[in-house]
Amino acid sequence: MNFDAIVVGAGAAGLFCAAQAGQRGRRVLLIDHSERVAEKIRISGGGRCNFTNRELDPRAPQKHFVGDNPNFCRSALSRYTPQQFVSLLESHGIAYHEKHKGQLFCDGPSQQIIDMLLAECAKGAVTRWQPCAVRDVVFAPEGGGVYRLDTDRGPVEAPRLVVATGGLSIPQLGASDFGYRLARQFGLRVIAPRPALVPLTFAGDGWAPYAALAGLALPVQIETGRKKERMAFLEDLLFTHRGLSGPAVLQISSYWREGEPLAIDFAPGTDVGAALGEAKARSRKRIANELATLVPSRLADAWVGEDPALQRPINEAADRALAQLSERIARWQITPAGTEGYKKAEVTAGGVDTRDLSSQTLESAQPGLHFIGEVVDVTGWLGGYNFQWAWASAHACAAAL
């Protein structure tokens, strides 16, 4: 069977690209090996799908993205904006709301987004084979060049092949390394994949004093990286039995590298030293009680409980002991042992090297072979940015097809 284009991967990017290309008059085949369509869309945003973010700046969209060349994503993101995707939702009657820092969610279940994308595919007369595995891909250069795929439903070919197979995150939903293997097959470079937007873990005994804080959440400022590459986020942090999670940690995890420490301010915007000094001058309460006016009491008890010099009324405390406590609250240094891995990672960082792709068309150095979405070395911040990259890269690719 012959098509104008074959899209492999029926996730966010693949569905949208197939629909857009089909509506532009291309004969498109969409293939996916999973039985259920777009499972990552279905579970995202707690089942409400955080489908984009209004705070993405079309003039400088790259500031919300990570990769060896963050500027690569600028072209596609500036040509397909969050408002354009919102307009598509509105045309399908899907209600939505803004939750936090520009994050847009469906009022109803995320299945609405999947149904919308399938309806857009139908509008473009897209042929969909699912479940259907691709066993082999070869490029035949004769006659201008075609890609021949050996699939569970027989051989198929097209002059254009779009890879939208995602990364390695959430393997229980069918994630695979197909896209990376195909890129290498055709001589393209791949930036080593790693889990991103993922909780961080800490070594057993070293974490023992903090494991009792599991379930505690509070706003923090969290930092990592060297001076010129230092990155910081002001978000909520969550203690877990194995380490740290919450939006602050998920955000910083995309920038953290093994062996690097984190610096955490548990009272951002507060001069802890000055506050404790003022309390010492007027109060006879225990140090933990005064500290609990600045941070959650569980955290105050844990930090004070580790130092015998702090087990006393604050007016009897040594200035040096209070200064050390203040520094620890305002800049706690701790080095993660690792991450919770792909099983808990929302996305995969790394991927097909953007040096081998066109920022305009997402076509690779291998003619007619395109890569879009998460399989590319473009990773967005938490909060709908990765979905916007899926829509924008798919749109740019479809226009090129």
Protein backbone atom coordinates (compact mmCIF):
# COMPACT_ATOMS: atom_id res chain seq x y z
CA MET A 1 0.00 0.00 0.00
CA ASN A 2 1.21 3.51 -0.82
CA PHE A 3 0.68 6.74 1.11
CA ASP A 4 2.06 10.27 0.90
CA ALA A 5 3.26 10.04 4.50
CA ILE A 6 3.43 7.51 7.29
CA VAL A 7 3.37 8.68 10.91
CA VAL A 8 4.63 6.17 13.51
CA GLY A 9 3.31 6.86 17.00
CA ALA A 10 -0.27 7.85 17.86
CA GLY A 11 0.45 10.06 20.85
CA ALA A 12 -0.07 13.81 21.06
CA ALA A 13 2.44 14.75 18.35
CA GLY A 14 1.62 11.87 16.01
CA LEU A 15 -2.15 12.33 16.14
CA PHE A 16 -1.91 16.07 15.58
CA CYS A 17 0.62 15.78 12.75
CA ALA A 18 -1.42 13.12 10.95
CA ALA A 19 -4.60 15.20 11.29
CA GLN A 20 -2.96 18.40 10.05
CA ALA A 21 -1.27 16.69 7.10
CA GLY A 22 -4.45 14.86 6.17
CA GLN A 23 -6.43 18.09 6.20
CA ARG A 24 -3.84 19.57 3.85
CA GLY A 25 -4.65 16.87 1.30
CA ARG A 26 -1.94 14.33 2.10
CA ARG A 27 -2.81 10.61 2.17
CA VAL A 28 -1.61 9.69 5.65
CA LEU A 29 -1.21 6.39 7.49
CA LEU A 30 -0.90 6.55 11.29
CA ILE A 31 0.58 3.47 13.00
CA ASP A 32 0.92 2.64 16.71
CA HIS A 33 1.85 -0.61 18.46
CA SER A 34 -0.34 -0.02 21.54
CA GLU A 35 -3.90 -1.22 21.84
CA ARG A 36 -5.15 2.01 23.43
CA VAL A 37 -4.64 5.37 21.80
CA ALA A 38 -2.75 8.24 23.48
CA GLU A 39 -2.55 6.82 26.99
CA LYS A 40 -0.14 9.55 28.12
CA ILE A 41 -2.74 12.17 27.22
CA ARG A 42 -5.39 10.25 29.15
CA ILE A 43 -3.42 10.12 32.41
CA SER A 44 -1.83 13.56 32.19
CA GLY A 45 -2.77 16.35 34.56
CA GLY A 46 -4.47 13.98 36.97
CA GLY A 47 -6.83 12.92 34.18
CA ARG A 48 -7.63 16.50 33.12
CA CYS A 49 -4.74 16.99 30.65
CA ASN A 50 -2.63 20.10 31.16
CA PHE A 51 -2.64 20.65 27.40
CA THR A 52 -0.65 23.91 27.11
CA ASN A 53 0.61 26.95 29.02
CA ARG A 54 -0.39 30.56 28.42
CA GLU A 55 2.91 31.90 29.79
CA LEU A 56 4.90 30.60 26.82
CA ASP A 57 6.35 33.68 25.14
CA PRO A 58 6.28 33.28 21.32
CA ARG A 59 9.16 35.80 21.09
CA ALA A 60 11.40 33.71 23.38
CA PRO A 61 9.76 30.29 23.80
CA GLN A 62 13.08 28.55 24.32
CA LYS A 63 13.39 29.83 27.91
CA HIS A 64 10.91 27.16 29.01
CA PHE A 65 12.78 24.28 27.34
CA VAL A 66 15.86 22.15 27.98
CA GLY A 67 18.17 20.54 25.44
CA ASP A 68 21.66 20.71 24.02
CA ASN A 69 20.34 23.53 21.80
CA PRO A 70 17.25 25.07 23.43
CA ASN A 71 16.96 27.65 20.63
CA PHE A 72 16.08 24.87 18.17
CA CYS A 73 12.45 24.80 19.34
CA ARG A 74 11.95 28.52 18.78
CA SER A 75 10.88 28.31 15.15
CA ALA A 76 8.09 25.75 15.59
CA LEU A 77 6.83 27.21 18.88
CA SER A 78 6.62 30.73 17.47
CA ARG A 79 4.59 29.50 14.48
CA TYR A 80 2.02 27.53 16.48
CA THR A 81 1.07 29.21 19.73
CA PRO A 82 -0.91 28.11 22.80
CA GLN A 83 -3.78 30.38 21.69
CA GLN A 84 -4.03 28.54 18.37
CA PHE A 85 -4.44 25.22 20.18
CA VAL A 86 -6.95 26.80 22.57
CA SER A 87 -8.94 27.99 19.56
CA LEU A 88 -9.05 24.41 18.29
CA LEU A 89 -10.37 23.22 21.65
CA GLU A 90 -13.03 25.92 21.64
CA SER A 91 -14.14 24.89 18.16
CA HIS A 92 -14.81 21.43 19.60
CA GLY A 93 -16.70 22.84 22.59
CA ILE A 94 -14.13 21.68 25.17
CA ALA A 95 -14.26 23.71 28.39
CA TYR A 96 -11.00 24.48 30.18
CA HIS A 97 -9.56 26.53 33.04
CA GLU A 98 -6.27 28.04 34.16
CA LYS A 99 -4.95 26.39 37.30
CA HIS A 100 -1.53 27.82 38.14
CA LYS A 101 1.15 29.87 36.36
CA GLY A 102 -0.56 29.75 32.98
CA GLN A 103 -1.30 26.01 33.09
CA LEU A 104 -4.47 25.17 31.14
CA PHE A 105 -6.51 22.06 32.01
CA CYS A 106 -9.72 20.54 30.69
CA ASP A 107 -12.76 21.02 32.94
CA GLY A 108 -13.72 17.47 32.06
CA PRO A 109 -11.71 14.28 31.48
CA SER A 110 -8.64 14.28 29.24
CA GLN A 111 -10.41 11.81 26.97
CA GLN A 112 -11.94 14.93 25.40
CA ILE A 113 -8.54 15.86 23.95
CA ILE A 114 -8.07 12.35 22.56
CA ASP A 115 -11.54 12.39 21.02
CA MET A 116 -10.83 15.80 19.49
CA LEU A 117 -7.58 14.59 17.92
CA LEU A 118 -9.27 11.47 16.55
CA ALA A 119 -12.04 13.65 15.11
CA GLU A 120 -9.41 15.87 13.47
CA CYS A 121 -7.78 12.74 12.00
CA ALA A 122 -11.13 11.62 10.64
CA LYS A 123 -11.61 15.07 9.13
CA GLY A 124 -8.31 14.58 7.32
CA ALA A 125 -9.25 11.04 6.17
CA VAL A 126 -6.27 9.59 8.04
CA THR A 127 -5.91 5.81 7.90
CA ARG A 128 -5.07 4.43 11.36
CA TRP A 129 -3.58 1.00 12.08
CA GLN A 130 -3.66 0.23 15.78
CA PRO A 131 -2.43 -1.97 17.31
CA CYS A 132 0.20 -2.55 14.65
CA ALA A 133 3.92 -3.04 15.23
CA VAL A 134 6.61 -1.92 12.79
CA ARG A 135 9.18 -4.69 12.41
CA ASP A 136 11.55 -3.11 9.93
CA VAL A 137 12.14 0.13 8.02
CA VAL A 138 14.25 0.45 4.88
CA PHE A 139 14.85 3.37 2.54
CA ALA A 140 14.76 2.69 -1.19
CA PRO A 141 16.45 5.60 -3.01
CA GLU A 142 15.11 4.81 -6.47
CA GLY A 143 12.37 7.00 -7.93
CA GLY A 144 13.00 9.89 -5.58
CA GLY A 145 13.17 7.66 -2.51
CA VAL A 146 10.54 5.84 -0.47
CA TYR A 147 10.41 4.33 3.02
CA ARG A 148 9.24 0.72 3.11
CA LEU A 149 7.85 -0.54 6.39
CA ASP A 150 7.30 -4.16 7.32
CA THR A 151 4.32 -4.12 9.71
CA ASP A 152 1.97 -6.55 11.42
CA ARG A 153 -0.61 -5.64 8.76
CA GLY A 154 1.70 -6.08 5.82
CA PRO A 155 4.16 -3.94 3.83
CA VAL A 156 3.51 -0.25 3.29
CA GLU A 157 5.54 2.58 1.76
CA ALA A 158 5.67 6.36 1.50
CA PRO A 159 8.18 9.03 0.49
CA ARG A 160 7.81 10.69 3.92
CA LEU A 161 8.18 9.01 7.31
CA VAL A 162 7.39 10.86 10.55
CA VAL A 163 8.63 9.39 13.82
CA ALA A 164 6.49 10.44 16.80
CA THR A 165 7.20 7.50 19.08
CA GLY A 166 8.03 9.49 22.23
CA GLY A 167 10.65 8.61 24.80
CA LEU A 168 11.22 6.00 27.50
CA SER A 169 9.07 7.49 30.26
CA ILE A 170 6.20 5.48 31.74
CA PRO A 171 7.11 2.12 30.15
CA GLN A 172 3.93 0.55 31.53
CA LEU A 173 2.05 2.54 28.87
CA GLY A 174 4.11 1.07 26.03
CA ALA A 175 7.10 3.42 25.80
CA SER A 176 9.94 2.14 23.62
CA ASP A 177 13.28 3.16 22.15
CA PHE A 178 12.01 2.70 18.57
CA GLY A 179 12.65 6.33 17.60
CA TYR A 180 16.22 6.33 18.88
CA ARG A 181 17.01 3.04 17.14
CA LEU A 182 15.59 4.31 13.86
CA ALA A 183 17.58 7.55 14.11
CA ARG A 184 20.81 5.62 14.64
CA GLN A 185 19.91 3.26 11.80
CA PHE A 186 20.00 6.23 9.43
CA GLY A 187 23.18 7.70 10.87
CA LEU A 188 21.62 10.40 13.03
CA ARG A 189 23.05 11.34 16.40
CA VAL A 190 21.13 10.76 19.65
CA ILE A 191 21.70 12.70 22.88
CA ALA A 192 21.71 10.13 25.71
CA PRO A 193 18.14 9.85 27.03
CA ARG A 194 17.49 10.35 30.74
CA PRO A 195 14.40 10.63 32.97
CA ALA A 196 13.10 14.20 33.38
CA LEU A 197 10.34 15.82 35.41
CA VAL A 198 11.00 13.01 37.88
CA PRO A 199 11.23 12.64 41.70
CA LEU A 200 14.74 12.49 43.18
CA THR A 201 15.96 9.81 45.58
CA PHE A 202 18.59 9.77 48.34
CA ALA A 203 20.81 7.06 49.82
CA GLY A 204 19.32 4.92 52.62
CA ASP A 205 21.00 5.87 55.91
CA GLY A 206 21.65 9.44 54.86
CA TRP A 207 17.96 9.95 54.18
CA ALA A 208 16.74 8.22 57.37
CA PRO A 209 16.41 11.44 59.47
CA TYR A 210 14.17 12.97 56.79
CA ALA A 211 12.03 9.96 55.86
CA ALA A 212 9.76 10.78 58.81
CA LEU A 213 8.82 13.99 56.99
CA ALA A 214 7.11 11.98 54.19
CA GLY A 215 3.91 13.71 53.15
CA LEU A 216 5.06 17.19 54.17
CA ALA A 217 4.64 19.78 51.40
CA LEU A 218 5.74 23.42 51.42
CA PRO A 219 6.78 26.16 48.99
CA VAL A 220 10.56 26.42 48.48
CA GLN A 221 13.16 27.87 46.20
CA ILE A 222 15.31 25.09 44.78
CA GLU A 223 18.56 25.50 42.80
CA THR A 224 21.15 23.38 41.05
CA GLY A 225 23.96 23.78 38.55
CA ARG A 226 27.18 25.72 38.33
CA LYS A 227 27.25 29.52 38.48
CA LYS A 228 26.79 30.33 34.79
CA GLU A 229 24.27 27.51 34.32
CA ARG A 230 22.53 27.82 37.69
CA MET A 231 18.79 27.19 37.57
CA ALA A 232 16.24 27.96 40.28
CA PHE A 233 12.51 27.40 40.71
CA LEU A 234 10.01 28.73 43.25
CA GLU A 235 7.48 25.91 43.60
CA ASP A 236 6.04 23.41 46.10
CA LEU A 237 8.25 20.60 47.40
CA LEU A 238 7.05 17.25 48.79
CA PHE A 239 8.99 14.95 51.11
CA THR A 240 8.60 11.22 50.33
CA HIS A 241 9.87 8.07 52.02
CA ARG A 242 12.59 7.74 49.36
CA GLY A 243 13.41 11.38 48.68
CA LEU A 244 11.89 14.56 47.30
CA SER A 245 9.09 15.22 44.83
CA GLY A 246 6.51 17.89 44.05
CA PRO A 247 6.59 20.52 41.29
CA ALA A 248 9.83 22.14 42.58
CA VAL A 249 11.76 18.87 42.37
CA LEU A 250 10.20 17.76 39.08
CA GLN A 251 11.24 21.07 37.53
CA ILE A 252 14.80 21.03 38.85
CA SER A 253 15.26 17.34 37.90
CA SER A 254 15.49 18.29 34.22
CA TYR A 255 18.57 20.38 35.01
CA TRP A 256 20.13 18.27 37.77
CA ARG A 257 23.13 16.08 36.90
CA GLU A 258 24.42 13.11 38.89
CA GLY A 259 26.77 14.16 41.68
CA GLU A 260 25.57 17.77 41.80
CA PRO A 261 24.05 19.13 45.03
CA LEU A 262 20.72 20.88 45.41
CA ALA A 263 20.32 24.06 47.42
CA ILE A 264 16.88 24.47 49.01
CA ASP A 265 15.47 27.58 50.72
CA PHE A 266 12.59 26.47 52.95
CA ALA A 267 11.51 30.04 53.72
CA PRO A 268 11.88 31.94 50.41
CA GLY A 269 11.49 35.68 50.79
CA THR A 270 12.15 35.55 54.56
CA ASP A 271 15.32 36.64 56.37
CA VAL A 272 15.40 33.69 58.77
CA GLY A 273 18.46 34.98 60.63
CA ALA A 274 16.85 38.34 61.33
CA ALA A 275 13.57 36.73 62.38
CA LEU A 276 15.27 34.38 64.86
CA GLY A 277 17.43 37.23 66.16
CA GLU A 278 14.34 39.33 66.80
CA ALA A 279 12.66 36.37 68.52
CA LYS A 280 15.69 35.86 70.77
CA ALA A 281 15.37 39.45 72.00
CA ARG A 282 11.69 39.17 72.98
CA SER A 283 10.73 35.51 73.49
CA ARG A 284 11.33 32.70 75.95
CA LYS A 285 9.69 30.04 73.77
CA ARG A 286 11.65 27.05 72.61
CA ILE A 287 13.59 27.47 69.38
CA ALA A 288 11.42 24.92 67.57
CA ASN A 289 8.28 26.90 68.44
CA GLU A 290 9.71 30.14 67.07
CA LEU A 291 11.02 28.43 63.94
CA ALA A 292 7.54 26.96 63.38
CA THR A 293 6.28 30.50 62.71
CA LEU A 294 8.50 30.54 59.62
CA VAL A 295 8.28 26.95 58.33
CA PRO A 296 5.92 23.99 58.98
CA SER A 297 6.19 22.68 62.54
CA ARG A 298 7.22 19.18 61.39
CA LEU A 299 10.16 20.65 59.54
CA ALA A 300 11.06 22.90 62.47
CA ASP A 301 11.02 19.95 64.89
CA ALA A 302 13.17 17.83 62.55
CA TRP A 303 15.81 20.52 62.01
CA VAL A 304 16.03 21.54 65.67
CA GLY A 305 15.91 17.95 66.90
CA GLU A 306 19.24 17.11 65.25
CA ASP A 307 21.26 19.59 67.36
CA PRO A 308 21.45 19.45 71.21
CA ALA A 309 22.48 23.12 71.22
CA LEU A 310 19.01 23.99 69.92
CA GLN A 311 17.05 22.08 72.58
CA ARG A 312 16.38 25.16 74.71
CA PRO A 313 14.45 28.45 74.86
CA ILE A 314 15.49 30.81 72.09
CA ASN A 315 16.63 33.54 74.50
CA GLU A 316 19.27 31.09 75.85
CA ALA A 317 20.57 30.05 72.42
CA ALA A 318 24.04 30.97 71.22
CA ASP A 319 24.10 33.40 68.31
CA ARG A 320 26.33 31.00 66.39
CA ALA A 321 23.85 28.13 66.78
CA LEU A 322 20.99 30.32 65.52
CA ALA A 323 23.12 31.50 62.60
CA GLN A 324 23.89 27.90 61.60
CA LEU A 325 20.19 27.00 61.88
CA SER A 326 19.26 30.00 59.74
CA GLU A 327 21.76 29.02 57.07
CA ARG A 328 20.43 25.47 57.02
CA ILE A 329 16.83 26.63 56.60
CA ALA A 330 17.72 29.18 53.93
CA ARG A 331 20.25 27.07 52.02
CA TRP A 332 20.04 23.34 52.77
CA GLN A 333 22.63 21.54 50.66
CA ILE A 334 21.94 17.92 49.77
CA THR A 335 23.07 15.67 46.91
CA PRO A 336 20.55 13.21 45.42
CA ALA A 337 21.64 9.63 44.83
CA GLY A 338 19.51 9.38 41.69
CA THR A 339 15.96 9.57 40.35
CA GLU A 340 12.86 7.39 40.50
CA GLY A 341 13.62 6.48 36.87
CA TYR A 342 11.49 6.24 33.78
CA LYS A 343 8.64 4.57 35.66
CA LYS A 344 7.90 7.84 37.47
CA ALA A 345 9.30 10.30 34.93
CA GLU A 346 6.74 12.45 33.13
CA VAL A 347 9.02 12.87 30.10
CA THR A 348 12.37 11.80 28.65
CA ALA A 349 15.13 14.36 28.23
CA GLY A 350 17.69 13.89 25.47
CA GLY A 351 16.75 12.23 22.20
CA VAL A 352 17.37 12.79 18.50
CA ASP A 353 20.09 15.42 18.19
CA THR A 354 18.67 18.70 16.90
CA ARG A 355 21.91 19.33 14.98
CA ASP A 356 20.64 16.66 12.57
CA LEU A 357 17.15 18.20 12.19
CA SER A 358 15.69 21.24 10.47
CA SER A 359 14.07 23.63 12.96
CA GLN A 360 11.65 24.69 10.19
CA THR A 361 10.41 21.28 9.04
CA LEU A 362 11.70 18.74 11.61
CA GLU A 363 13.17 16.82 8.65
CA SER A 364 16.42 15.05 9.41
CA ALA A 365 19.66 14.89 7.49
CA GLN A 366 18.19 11.68 6.06
CA PRO A 367 15.83 13.01 3.31
CA GLY A 368 12.13 12.48 3.97
CA LEU A 369 12.62 11.31 7.57
CA HIS A 370 11.11 13.60 10.23
CA PHE A 371 11.15 13.46 14.05
CA ILE A 372 8.64 15.30 16.25
CA GLY A 373 7.56 15.51 19.87
CA GLU A 374 9.29 13.89 22.82
CA VAL A 375 11.65 11.74 20.73
CA VAL A 376 13.56 14.94 19.89
CA ASP A 377 16.11 16.51 22.27
CA VAL A 378 13.62 19.18 23.37
CA THR A 379 12.18 18.94 26.90
CA GLY A 380 9.75 21.46 28.34
CA TRP A 381 9.16 22.63 31.87
CA LEU A 382 6.36 21.18 33.96
CA GLY A 383 3.00 22.76 33.23
CA GLY A 384 1.86 22.01 29.68
CA TYR A 385 5.02 23.02 27.83
CA ASN A 386 5.77 19.51 26.56
CA PHE A 387 2.30 19.22 25.06
CA GLN A 388 2.77 22.59 23.36
CA TRP A 389 6.02 21.29 21.86
CA ALA A 390 4.10 18.24 20.61
CA TRP A 391 1.46 20.43 18.91
CA ALA A 392 3.99 22.93 17.52
CA SER A 393 6.51 20.39 16.18
CA ALA A 394 3.67 18.36 14.65
CA HIS A 395 2.22 21.47 13.01
CA ALA A 396 5.59 22.50 11.53
CA CYS A 397 6.18 18.99 10.22
CA ALA A 398 2.68 18.68 8.74
CA ALA A 399 3.08 21.96 6.88
CA ALA A 400 6.34 20.65 5.41
CA LEU A 401 4.70 17.39 4.32
